[in-house]
Amino acid sequence: MRVLFVCGQNRLRSPTAEQVFADWPGVETASAGLKHEAGVPVTPELLAWADLVLVMEPAQRRQLATRFGAHLCGTRIACLGIPDIYRFMEPALVERLLRVVPAYLRRG
């Protein structure tokens, strides 16, 4: 399963998620951001690569649909509900990701 984690700037939450789940068996990870200044911006190619897109906030799900709707056909998208209050690899963020994300990976 190929999982794309998406947040705003691709500097804190989504890169953390990418790193935390990079070694999970049967899972390939990538991360990207929706803002223009994102470290790695979301592209149609990344969306085509992904089997599952996990966004951090509901607004990001809406932004994806608005900007990339034509590229999302058949791609499962879910919102993790993780606000932008964490630092990169902050233990509380890692713990929250480990609580929430595995349920989506099992649905494969």
PDB file of N, CA and C in Angstrom:
ATOM      1  N   MET A   1       0.842  -1.176   0.000  1.00  0.00           N
ATOM      2  CA  MET A   1       0.000   0.000   0.000  1.00  0.00           C
ATOM      3  C   MET A   1       0.885   1.237   0.000  1.00  0.00           C
ATOM      4  N   ARG A   2       0.558   2.175  -0.878  1.00  0.00           N
ATOM      5  CA  ARG A   2       1.290   3.441  -0.969  1.00  0.00           C
ATOM      6  C   ARG A   2       0.466   4.540  -0.305  1.00  0.00           C
ATOM      7  N   VAL A   3       1.042   5.157   0.724  1.00  0.00           N
ATOM      8  CA  VAL A   3       0.332   6.154   1.528  1.00  0.00           C
ATOM      9  C   VAL A   3       1.008   7.506   1.384  1.00  0.00           C
ATOM     10  N   LEU A   4       0.212   8.498   1.017  1.00  0.00           N
ATOM     11  CA  LEU A   4       0.686   9.873   0.927  1.00  0.00           C
ATOM     12  C   LEU A   4       0.096  10.653   2.091  1.00  0.00           C
ATOM     13  N   PHE A   5       0.960  11.196   2.953  1.00  0.00           N
ATOM     14  CA  PHE A   5       0.541  12.043   4.065  1.00  0.00           C
ATOM     15  C   PHE A   5       0.623  13.491   3.612  1.00  0.00           C
ATOM     16  N   VAL A   6      -0.447  14.248   3.867  1.00  0.00           N
ATOM     17  CA  VAL A   6      -0.525  15.632   3.395  1.00  0.00           C
ATOM     18  C   VAL A   6      -0.838  16.574   4.553  1.00  0.00           C
ATOM     19  N   CYS A   7      -0.073  17.657   4.622  1.00  0.00           N
ATOM     20  CA  CYS A   7      -0.387  18.755   5.544  1.00  0.00           C
ATOM     21  C   CYS A   7      -0.201  20.063   4.774  1.00  0.00           C
ATOM     22  N   GLY A   8      -0.038  21.150   5.460  1.00  0.00           N
ATOM     23  CA  GLY A   8       0.069  22.429   4.771  1.00  0.00           C
ATOM     24  C   GLY A   8       1.424  22.672   4.128  1.00  0.00           C
ATOM     25  N   GLN A   9       2.477  22.660   4.943  1.00  0.00           N
ATOM     26  CA  GLN A   9       3.795  23.044   4.448  1.00  0.00           C
ATOM     27  C   GLN A   9       4.752  21.874   4.251  1.00  0.00           C
ATOM     28  N   ASN A  10       4.357  20.684   4.632  1.00  0.00           N
ATOM     29  CA  ASN A  10       5.226  19.506   4.518  1.00  0.00           C
ATOM     30  C   ASN A  10       6.546  19.720   5.260  1.00  0.00           C
ATOM     31  N   ARG A  11       6.416  20.240   6.486  1.00  0.00           N
ATOM     32  CA  ARG A  11       7.627  20.460   7.287  1.00  0.00           C
ATOM     33  C   ARG A  11       7.538  19.798   8.661  1.00  0.00           C
ATOM     34  N   LEU A  12       6.323  19.550   9.175  1.00  0.00           N
ATOM     35  CA  LEU A  12       6.190  19.047  10.534  1.00  0.00           C
ATOM     36  C   LEU A  12       5.370  17.751  10.586  1.00  0.00           C
ATOM     37  N   ARG A  13       4.077  17.860  10.377  1.00  0.00           N
ATOM     38  CA  ARG A  13       3.203  16.698  10.573  1.00  0.00           C
ATOM     39  C   ARG A  13       3.357  15.623   9.512  1.00  0.00           C
ATOM     40  N   SER A  14       3.241  15.980   8.247  1.00  0.00           N
ATOM     41  CA  SER A  14       3.296  14.936   7.220  1.00  0.00           C
ATOM     42  C   SER A  14       4.686  14.297   7.104  1.00  0.00           C
ATOM     43  N   PRO A  15       5.793  15.044   7.220  1.00  0.00           N
ATOM     44  CA  PRO A  15       7.092  14.357   7.207  1.00  0.00           C
ATOM     45  C   PRO A  15       7.279  13.435   8.420  1.00  0.00           C
ATOM     46  N   THR A  16       6.721  13.843   9.563  1.00  0.00           N
ATOM     47  CA  THR A  16       6.778  12.969  10.736  1.00  0.00           C
ATOM     48  C   THR A  16       6.041  11.676  10.455  1.00  0.00           C
ATOM     49  N   ALA A  17       4.832  11.780   9.913  1.00  0.00           N
ATOM     50  CA  ALA A  17       4.043  10.579   9.603  1.00  0.00           C
ATOM     51  C   ALA A  17       4.766   9.705   8.580  1.00  0.00           C
ATOM     52  N   GLU A  18       5.340  10.325   7.571  1.00  0.00           N
ATOM     53  CA  GLU A  18       6.084   9.570   6.565  1.00  0.00           C
ATOM     54  C   GLU A  18       7.199   8.766   7.222  1.00  0.00           C
ATOM     55  N   GLN A  19       7.916   9.398   8.108  1.00  0.00           N
ATOM     56  CA  GLN A  19       9.039   8.730   8.771  1.00  0.00           C
ATOM     57  C   GLN A  19       8.565   7.638   9.730  1.00  0.00           C
ATOM     58  N   VAL A  20       7.517   7.916  10.499  1.00  0.00           N
ATOM     59  CA  VAL A  20       7.023   6.949  11.483  1.00  0.00           C
ATOM     60  C   VAL A  20       6.559   5.655  10.804  1.00  0.00           C
ATOM     61  N   PHE A  21       5.923   5.766   9.651  1.00  0.00           N
ATOM     62  CA  PHE A  21       5.351   4.584   9.000  1.00  0.00           C
ATOM     63  C   PHE A  21       6.197   4.042   7.843  1.00  0.00           C
ATOM     64  N   ALA A  22       7.367   4.611   7.627  1.00  0.00           N
ATOM     65  CA  ALA A  22       8.221   4.200   6.507  1.00  0.00           C
ATOM     66  C   ALA A  22       8.652   2.739   6.582  1.00  0.00           C
ATOM     67  N   ASP A  23       8.805   2.208   7.771  1.00  0.00           N
ATOM     68  CA  ASP A  23       9.287   0.833   7.921  1.00  0.00           C
ATOM     69  C   ASP A  23       8.179  -0.184   8.178  1.00  0.00           C
ATOM     70  N   TRP A  24       6.925   0.239   8.064  1.00  0.00           N
ATOM     71  CA  TRP A  24       5.829  -0.702   8.292  1.00  0.00           C
ATOM     72  C   TRP A  24       5.785  -1.695   7.136  1.00  0.00           C
ATOM     73  N   PRO A  25       5.621  -2.976   7.443  1.00  0.00           N
ATOM     74  CA  PRO A  25       5.582  -3.992   6.381  1.00  0.00           C
ATOM     75  C   PRO A  25       4.441  -3.726   5.396  1.00  0.00           C
ATOM     76  N   GLY A  26       4.759  -3.800   4.125  1.00  0.00           N
ATOM     77  CA  GLY A  26       3.757  -3.636   3.088  1.00  0.00           C
ATOM     78  C   GLY A  26       3.296  -2.210   2.855  1.00  0.00           C
ATOM     79  N   VAL A  27       3.968  -1.252   3.458  1.00  0.00           N
ATOM     80  CA  VAL A  27       3.573   0.153   3.337  1.00  0.00           C
ATOM     81  C   VAL A  27       4.731   0.965   2.770  1.00  0.00           C
ATOM     82  N   GLU A  28       4.449   1.726   1.721  1.00  0.00           N
ATOM     83  CA  GLU A  28       5.392   2.719   1.199  1.00  0.00           C
ATOM     84  C   GLU A  28       4.814   4.080   1.556  1.00  0.00           C
ATOM     85  N   THR A  29       5.656   5.010   1.965  1.00  0.00           N
ATOM     86  CA  THR A  29       5.161   6.313   2.393  1.00  0.00           C
ATOM     87  C   THR A  29       5.819   7.458   1.621  1.00  0.00           C
ATOM     88  N   ALA A  30       5.079   8.534   1.533  1.00  0.00           N
ATOM     89  CA  ALA A  30       5.569   9.795   0.993  1.00  0.00           C
ATOM     90  C   ALA A  30       4.794  10.892   1.710  1.00  0.00           C
ATOM     91  N   SER A  31       5.271  12.118   1.608  1.00  0.00           N
ATOM     92  CA  SER A  31       4.545  13.237   2.206  1.00  0.00           C
ATOM     93  C   SER A  31       4.663  14.451   1.309  1.00  0.00           C
ATOM     94  N   ALA A  32       3.680  15.325   1.445  1.00  0.00           N
ATOM     95  CA  ALA A  32       3.641  16.532   0.629  1.00  0.00           C
ATOM     96  C   ALA A  32       2.790  17.583   1.333  1.00  0.00           C
ATOM     97  N   GLY A  33       2.876  18.813   0.838  1.00  0.00           N
ATOM     98  CA  GLY A  33       2.112  19.908   1.412  1.00  0.00           C
ATOM     99  C   GLY A  33       1.281  20.623   0.367  1.00  0.00           C
ATOM    100  N   LEU A  34       0.227  21.268   0.816  1.00  0.00           N
ATOM    101  CA  LEU A  34      -0.691  21.966  -0.087  1.00  0.00           C
ATOM    102  C   LEU A  34      -0.331  23.429  -0.322  1.00  0.00           C
ATOM    103  N   LYS A  35       0.475  24.006   0.530  1.00  0.00           N
ATOM    104  CA  LYS A  35       0.830  25.415   0.346  1.00  0.00           C
ATOM    105  C   LYS A  35       1.918  25.555  -0.704  1.00  0.00           C
ATOM    106  N   HIS A  36       1.980  26.715  -1.318  1.00  0.00           N
ATOM    107  CA  HIS A  36       2.958  26.958  -2.378  1.00  0.00           C
ATOM    108  C   HIS A  36       4.395  26.841  -1.872  1.00  0.00           C
ATOM    109  N   GLU A  37       4.608  27.199  -0.606  1.00  0.00           N
ATOM    110  CA  GLU A  37       5.954  27.139  -0.039  1.00  0.00           C
ATOM    111  C   GLU A  37       6.275  25.786   0.607  1.00  0.00           C
ATOM    112  N   ALA A  38       5.469  24.778   0.338  1.00  0.00           N
ATOM    113  CA  ALA A  38       5.674  23.446   0.926  1.00  0.00           C
ATOM    114  C   ALA A  38       7.040  22.889   0.546  1.00  0.00           C
ATOM    115  N   GLY A  39       7.625  22.145   1.471  1.00  0.00           N
ATOM    116  CA  GLY A  39       8.900  21.491   1.208  1.00  0.00           C
ATOM    117  C   GLY A  39       8.813  20.598  -0.025  1.00  0.00           C
ATOM    118  N   VAL A  40       7.786  19.775  -0.084  1.00  0.00           N
ATOM    119  CA  VAL A  40       7.456  18.961  -1.257  1.00  0.00           C
ATOM    120  C   VAL A  40       5.989  19.244  -1.551  1.00  0.00           C
ATOM    121  N   PRO A  41       5.668  19.921  -2.637  1.00  0.00           N
ATOM    122  CA  PRO A  41       4.272  20.235  -2.920  1.00  0.00           C
ATOM    123  C   PRO A  41       3.508  19.022  -3.462  1.00  0.00           C
ATOM    124  N   VAL A  42       2.216  18.992  -3.179  1.00  0.00           N
ATOM    125  CA  VAL A  42       1.341  17.963  -3.753  1.00  0.00           C
ATOM    126  C   VAL A  42       1.333  18.145  -5.269  1.00  0.00           C
ATOM    127  N   THR A  43       1.435  17.027  -5.985  1.00  0.00           N
ATOM    128  CA  THR A  43       1.389  17.054  -7.448  1.00  0.00           C
ATOM    129  C   THR A  43       0.429  15.971  -7.933  1.00  0.00           C
ATOM    130  N   PRO A  44      -0.056  16.091  -9.153  1.00  0.00           N
ATOM    131  CA  PRO A  44      -0.884  15.021  -9.713  1.00  0.00           C
ATOM    132  C   PRO A  44      -0.149  13.680  -9.736  1.00  0.00           C
ATOM    133  N   GLU A  45       1.161  13.717  -9.941  1.00  0.00           N
ATOM    134  CA  GLU A  45       1.943  12.476  -9.983  1.00  0.00           C
ATOM    135  C   GLU A  45       1.964  11.783  -8.615  1.00  0.00           C
ATOM    136  N   LEU A  46       2.128  12.558  -7.558  1.00  0.00           N
ATOM    137  CA  LEU A  46       2.096  11.975  -6.213  1.00  0.00           C
ATOM    138  C   LEU A  46       0.724  11.384  -5.909  1.00  0.00           C
ATOM    139  N   LEU A  47      -0.323  12.083  -6.309  1.00  0.00           N
ATOM    140  CA  LEU A  47      -1.671  11.578  -6.073  1.00  0.00           C
ATOM    141  C   LEU A  47      -1.930  10.298  -6.870  1.00  0.00           C
ATOM    142  N   ALA A  48      -1.410  10.219  -8.083  1.00  0.00           N
ATOM    143  CA  ALA A  48      -1.567   9.008  -8.894  1.00  0.00           C
ATOM    144  C   ALA A  48      -0.808   7.838  -8.272  1.00  0.00           C
ATOM    145  N   TRP A  49       0.309   8.124  -7.632  1.00  0.00           N
ATOM    146  CA  TRP A  49       1.120   7.098  -6.986  1.00  0.00           C
ATOM    147  C   TRP A  49       0.406   6.490  -5.776  1.00  0.00           C
ATOM    148  N   ALA A  50      -0.348   7.313  -5.051  1.00  0.00           N
ATOM    149  CA  ALA A  50      -0.917   6.916  -3.756  1.00  0.00           C
ATOM    150  C   ALA A  50      -2.159   6.041  -3.889  1.00  0.00           C
ATOM    151  N   ASP A  51      -2.216   5.014  -3.032  1.00  0.00           N
ATOM    152  CA  ASP A  51      -3.443   4.230  -2.857  1.00  0.00           C
ATOM    153  C   ASP A  51      -4.331   4.885  -1.817  1.00  0.00           C
ATOM    154  N   LEU A  52      -3.704   5.580  -0.891  1.00  0.00           N
ATOM    155  CA  LEU A  52      -4.393   6.210   0.225  1.00  0.00           C
ATOM    156  C   LEU A  52      -3.742   7.553   0.497  1.00  0.00           C
ATOM    157  N   VAL A  53      -4.566   8.595   0.625  1.00  0.00           N
ATOM    158  CA  VAL A  53      -4.085   9.927   0.986  1.00  0.00           C
ATOM    159  C   VAL A  53      -4.649  10.255   2.364  1.00  0.00           C
ATOM    160  N   LEU A  54      -3.763  10.554   3.296  1.00  0.00           N
ATOM    161  CA  LEU A  54      -4.179  10.916   4.648  1.00  0.00           C
ATOM    162  C   LEU A  54      -3.818  12.371   4.900  1.00  0.00           C
ATOM    163  N   VAL A  55      -4.854  13.212   5.024  1.00  0.00           N
ATOM    164  CA  VAL A  55      -4.659  14.631   5.309  1.00  0.00           C
ATOM    165  C   VAL A  55      -4.761  14.847   6.810  1.00  0.00           C
ATOM    166  N   MET A  56      -4.198  15.916   7.282  1.00  0.00           N
ATOM    167  CA  MET A  56      -4.191  16.192   8.717  1.00  0.00           C
ATOM    168  C   MET A  56      -5.445  16.914   9.195  1.00  0.00           C
ATOM    169  N   GLU A  57      -6.029  17.778   8.342  1.00  0.00           N
ATOM    170  CA  GLU A  57      -7.170  18.598   8.757  1.00  0.00           C
ATOM    171  C   GLU A  57      -8.259  18.576   7.697  1.00  0.00           C
ATOM    172  N   PRO A  58      -9.534  18.771   8.103  1.00  0.00           N
ATOM    173  CA  PRO A  58     -10.638  18.769   7.133  1.00  0.00           C
ATOM    174  C   PRO A  58     -10.465  19.788   6.005  1.00  0.00           C
ATOM    175  N   ALA A  59      -9.923  20.962   6.315  1.00  0.00           N
ATOM    176  CA  ALA A  59      -9.741  21.980   5.277  1.00  0.00           C
ATOM    177  C   ALA A  59      -8.795  21.485   4.183  1.00  0.00           C
ATOM    178  N   GLN A  60      -7.832  20.666   4.553  1.00  0.00           N
ATOM    179  CA  GLN A  60      -6.897  20.134   3.564  1.00  0.00           C
ATOM    180  C   GLN A  60      -7.590  19.144   2.624  1.00  0.00           C
ATOM    181  N   ARG A  61      -8.542  18.415   3.137  1.00  0.00           N
ATOM    182  CA  ARG A  61      -9.311  17.505   2.283  1.00  0.00           C
ATOM    183  C   ARG A  61     -10.094  18.306   1.237  1.00  0.00           C
ATOM    184  N   ARG A  62     -10.680  19.404   1.680  1.00  0.00           N
ATOM    185  CA  ARG A  62     -11.433  20.271   0.750  1.00  0.00           C
ATOM    186  C   ARG A  62     -10.488  20.905  -0.275  1.00  0.00           C
ATOM    187  N   GLN A  63      -9.322  21.347   0.167  1.00  0.00           N
ATOM    188  CA  GLN A  63      -8.347  21.940  -0.759  1.00  0.00           C
ATOM    189  C   GLN A  63      -7.906  20.928  -1.814  1.00  0.00           C
ATOM    190  N   LEU A  64      -7.676  19.691  -1.388  1.00  0.00           N
ATOM    191  CA  LEU A  64      -7.304  18.637  -2.341  1.00  0.00           C
ATOM    192  C   LEU A  64      -8.383  18.466  -3.393  1.00  0.00           C
ATOM    193  N   ALA A  65      -9.631  18.385  -2.942  1.00  0.00           N
ATOM    194  CA  ALA A  65     -10.745  18.193  -3.871  1.00  0.00           C
ATOM    195  C   ALA A  65     -10.876  19.358  -4.839  1.00  0.00           C
ATOM    196  N   THR A  66     -10.686  20.573  -4.339  1.00  0.00           N
ATOM    197  CA  THR A  66     -10.800  21.763  -5.184  1.00  0.00           C
ATOM    198  C   THR A  66      -9.677  21.845  -6.209  1.00  0.00           C
ATOM    199  N   ARG A  67      -8.460  21.619  -5.756  1.00  0.00           N
ATOM    200  CA  ARG A  67      -7.298  21.803  -6.638  1.00  0.00           C
ATOM    201  C   ARG A  67      -6.967  20.588  -7.502  1.00  0.00           C
ATOM    202  N   PHE A  68      -7.290  19.382  -6.990  1.00  0.00           N
ATOM    203  CA  PHE A  68      -6.839  18.177  -7.673  1.00  0.00           C
ATOM    204  C   PHE A  68      -7.962  17.163  -7.909  1.00  0.00           C
ATOM    205  N   GLY A  69      -9.200  17.621  -7.902  1.00  0.00           N
ATOM    206  CA  GLY A  69     -10.342  16.722  -8.026  1.00  0.00           C
ATOM    207  C   GLY A  69     -10.233  15.723  -9.156  1.00  0.00           C
ATOM    208  N   ALA A  70      -9.789  16.158 -10.318  1.00  0.00           N
ATOM    209  CA  ALA A  70      -9.684  15.274 -11.481  1.00  0.00           C
ATOM    210  C   ALA A  70      -8.640  14.179 -11.277  1.00  0.00           C
ATOM    211  N   HIS A  71      -7.727  14.369 -10.342  1.00  0.00           N
ATOM    212  CA  HIS A  71      -6.645  13.407 -10.109  1.00  0.00           C
ATOM    213  C   HIS A  71      -6.923  12.488  -8.922  1.00  0.00           C
ATOM    214  N   LEU A  72      -8.110  12.602  -8.338  1.00  0.00           N
ATOM    215  CA  LEU A  72      -8.417  11.841  -7.134  1.00  0.00           C
ATOM    216  C   LEU A  72      -9.370  10.672  -7.376  1.00  0.00           C
ATOM    217  N   CYS A  73      -9.778  10.454  -8.607  1.00  0.00           N
ATOM    218  CA  CYS A  73     -10.729   9.378  -8.898  1.00  0.00           C
ATOM    219  C   CYS A  73     -10.169   8.042  -8.432  1.00  0.00           C
ATOM    220  N   GLY A  74     -10.914   7.374  -7.579  1.00  0.00           N
ATOM    221  CA  GLY A  74     -10.516   6.063  -7.102  1.00  0.00           C
ATOM    222  C   GLY A  74      -9.500   6.076  -5.977  1.00  0.00           C
ATOM    223  N   THR A  75      -9.042   7.248  -5.566  1.00  0.00           N
ATOM    224  CA  THR A  75      -8.076   7.339  -4.472  1.00  0.00           C
ATOM    225  C   THR A  75      -8.823   7.538  -3.163  1.00  0.00           C
ATOM    226  N   ARG A  76      -8.520   6.709  -2.195  1.00  0.00           N
ATOM    227  CA  ARG A  76      -9.137   6.835  -0.879  1.00  0.00           C
ATOM    228  C   ARG A  76      -8.467   7.979  -0.135  1.00  0.00           C
ATOM    229  N   ILE A  77      -9.284   8.866   0.431  1.00  0.00           N
ATOM    230  CA  ILE A  77      -8.784  10.022   1.181  1.00  0.00           C
ATOM    231  C   ILE A  77      -9.445  10.005   2.547  1.00  0.00           C
ATOM    232  N   ALA A  78      -8.653  10.214   3.586  1.00  0.00           N
ATOM    233  CA  ALA A  78      -9.197  10.281   4.936  1.00  0.00           C
ATOM    234  C   ALA A  78      -8.516  11.412   5.689  1.00  0.00           C
ATOM    235  N   CYS A  79      -9.221  11.926   6.670  1.00  0.00           N
ATOM    236  CA  CYS A  79      -8.704  13.016   7.492  1.00  0.00           C
ATOM    237  C   CYS A  79      -8.349  12.470   8.872  1.00  0.00           C
ATOM    238  N   LEU A  80      -7.133  12.761   9.327  1.00  0.00           N
ATOM    239  CA  LEU A  80      -6.658  12.282  10.619  1.00  0.00           C
ATOM    240  C   LEU A  80      -7.061  13.196  11.774  1.00  0.00           C
ATOM    241  N   GLY A  81      -7.460  14.421  11.489  1.00  0.00           N
ATOM    242  CA  GLY A  81      -7.874  15.347  12.540  1.00  0.00           C
ATOM    243  C   GLY A  81      -6.738  15.746  13.472  1.00  0.00           C
ATOM    244  N   ILE A  82      -5.579  16.010  12.905  1.00  0.00           N
ATOM    245  CA  ILE A  82      -4.409  16.394  13.705  1.00  0.00           C
ATOM    246  C   ILE A  82      -4.080  17.856  13.428  1.00  0.00           C
ATOM    247  N   PRO A  83      -4.286  18.723  14.423  1.00  0.00           N
ATOM    248  CA  PRO A  83      -4.057  20.163  14.214  1.00  0.00           C
ATOM    249  C   PRO A  83      -2.571  20.498  14.116  1.00  0.00           C
ATOM    250  N   ASP A  84      -2.306  21.680  13.618  1.00  0.00           N
ATOM    251  CA  ASP A  84      -0.937  22.157  13.406  1.00  0.00           C
ATOM    252  C   ASP A  84      -0.390  22.765  14.697  1.00  0.00           C
ATOM    253  N   ILE A  85      -0.166  21.904  15.693  1.00  0.00           N
ATOM    254  CA  ILE A  85       0.344  22.376  16.992  1.00  0.00           C
ATOM    255  C   ILE A  85       1.600  21.615  17.417  1.00  0.00           C
ATOM    256  N   TYR A  86       2.124  20.780  16.542  1.00  0.00           N
ATOM    257  CA  TYR A  86       3.243  19.910  16.897  1.00  0.00           C
ATOM    258  C   TYR A  86       4.516  20.292  16.154  1.00  0.00           C
ATOM    259  N   ARG A  87       5.643  19.922  16.749  1.00  0.00           N
ATOM    260  CA  ARG A  87       6.931  20.057  16.097  1.00  0.00           C
ATOM    261  C   ARG A  87       7.249  18.753  15.364  1.00  0.00           C
ATOM    262  N   PHE A  88       8.220  18.788  14.474  1.00  0.00           N
ATOM    263  CA  PHE A  88       8.657  17.596  13.751  1.00  0.00           C
ATOM    264  C   PHE A  88       9.125  16.534  14.747  1.00  0.00           C
ATOM    265  N   MET A  89       8.597  15.328  14.618  1.00  0.00           N
ATOM    266  CA  MET A  89       8.927  14.161  15.445  1.00  0.00           C
ATOM    267  C   MET A  89       8.663  14.384  16.934  1.00  0.00           C
ATOM    268  N   GLU A  90       7.812  15.335  17.284  1.00  0.00           N
ATOM    269  CA  GLU A  90       7.442  15.544  18.679  1.00  0.00           C
ATOM    270  C   GLU A  90       6.792  14.268  19.202  1.00  0.00           C
ATOM    271  N   PRO A  91       7.193  13.787  20.370  1.00  0.00           N
ATOM    272  CA  PRO A  91       6.636  12.532  20.880  1.00  0.00           C
ATOM    273  C   PRO A  91       5.108  12.491  20.930  1.00  0.00           C
ATOM    274  N   ALA A  92       4.475  13.588  21.282  1.00  0.00           N
ATOM    275  CA  ALA A  92       3.006  13.606  21.327  1.00  0.00           C
ATOM    276  C   ALA A  92       2.404  13.408  19.929  1.00  0.00           C
ATOM    277  N   LEU A  93       3.057  13.954  18.912  1.00  0.00           N
ATOM    278  CA  LEU A  93       2.590  13.765  17.533  1.00  0.00           C
ATOM    279  C   LEU A  93       2.795  12.321  17.102  1.00  0.00           C
ATOM    280  N   VAL A  94       3.957  11.774  17.394  1.00  0.00           N
ATOM    281  CA  VAL A  94       4.227  10.380  17.039  1.00  0.00           C
ATOM    282  C   VAL A  94       3.211   9.462  17.713  1.00  0.00           C
ATOM    283  N   GLU A  95       2.944   9.697  18.986  1.00  0.00           N
ATOM    284  CA  GLU A  95       1.967   8.891  19.726  1.00  0.00           C
ATOM    285  C   GLU A  95       0.578   8.998  19.092  1.00  0.00           C
ATOM    286  N   ARG A  96       0.195  10.198  18.740  1.00  0.00           N
ATOM    287  CA  ARG A  96      -1.129  10.395  18.126  1.00  0.00           C
ATOM    288  C   ARG A  96      -1.214   9.693  16.771  1.00  0.00           C
ATOM    289  N   LEU A  97      -0.177   9.809  15.978  1.00  0.00           N
ATOM    290  CA  LEU A  97      -0.154   9.122  14.678  1.00  0.00           C
ATOM    291  C   LEU A  97      -0.249   7.613  14.860  1.00  0.00           C
ATOM    292  N   LEU A  98       0.478   7.084  15.824  1.00  0.00           N
ATOM    293  CA  LEU A  98       0.457   5.637  16.067  1.00  0.00           C
ATOM    294  C   LEU A  98      -0.898   5.161  16.574  1.00  0.00           C
ATOM    295  N   ARG A  99      -1.669   6.045  17.178  1.00  0.00           N
ATOM    296  CA  ARG A  99      -3.017   5.712  17.640  1.00  0.00           C
ATOM    297  C   ARG A  99      -4.025   5.723  16.490  1.00  0.00           C
ATOM    298  N   VAL A 100      -3.867   6.649  15.557  1.00  0.00           N
ATOM    299  CA  VAL A 100      -4.890   6.896  14.542  1.00  0.00           C
ATOM    300  C   VAL A 100      -4.640   6.196  13.206  1.00  0.00           C
ATOM    301  N   VAL A 101      -3.430   6.234  12.721  1.00  0.00           N
ATOM    302  CA  VAL A 101      -3.132   5.787  11.360  1.00  0.00           C
ATOM    303  C   VAL A 101      -3.285   4.277  11.128  1.00  0.00           C
ATOM    304  N   PRO A 102      -2.855   3.403  12.046  1.00  0.00           N
ATOM    305  CA  PRO A 102      -2.910   1.959  11.750  1.00  0.00           C
ATOM    306  C   PRO A 102      -4.279   1.444  11.312  1.00  0.00           C
ATOM    307  N   ALA A 103      -5.344   2.008  11.794  1.00  0.00           N
ATOM    308  CA  ALA A 103      -6.680   1.564  11.372  1.00  0.00           C
ATOM    309  C   ALA A 103      -6.872   1.745   9.866  1.00  0.00           C
ATOM    310  N   TYR A 104      -6.328   2.800   9.306  1.00  0.00           N
ATOM    311  CA  TYR A 104      -6.423   3.028   7.862  1.00  0.00           C
ATOM    312  C   TYR A 104      -5.532   2.070   7.080  1.00  0.00           C
ATOM    313  N   LEU A 105      -4.409   1.703   7.660  1.00  0.00           N
ATOM    314  CA  LEU A 105      -3.492   0.797   6.975  1.00  0.00           C
ATOM    315  C   LEU A 105      -4.032  -0.627   6.937  1.00  0.00           C
ATOM    316  N   ARG A 106      -4.819  -1.007   7.913  1.00  0.00           N
ATOM    317  CA  ARG A 106      -5.406  -2.337   7.958  1.00  0.00           C
ATOM    318  C   ARG A 106      -6.552  -2.505   6.961  1.00  0.00           C
ATOM    319  N   ARG A 107      -7.166  -1.405   6.569  1.00  0.00           N
ATOM    320  CA  ARG A 107      -8.310  -1.468   5.650  1.00  0.00           C
ATOM    321  C   ARG A 107      -7.898  -1.743   4.227  1.00  0.00           C
ATOM    322  N   GLY A 108      -6.587  -1.553   3.956  1.00  0.00           N
ATOM    323  CA  GLY A 108      -5.989  -1.739   2.659  1.00  0.00           C
ATOM    324  C   GLY A 108      -6.853  -2.248   1.615  1.00  0.00           C
TER     325      GLY A 108
END
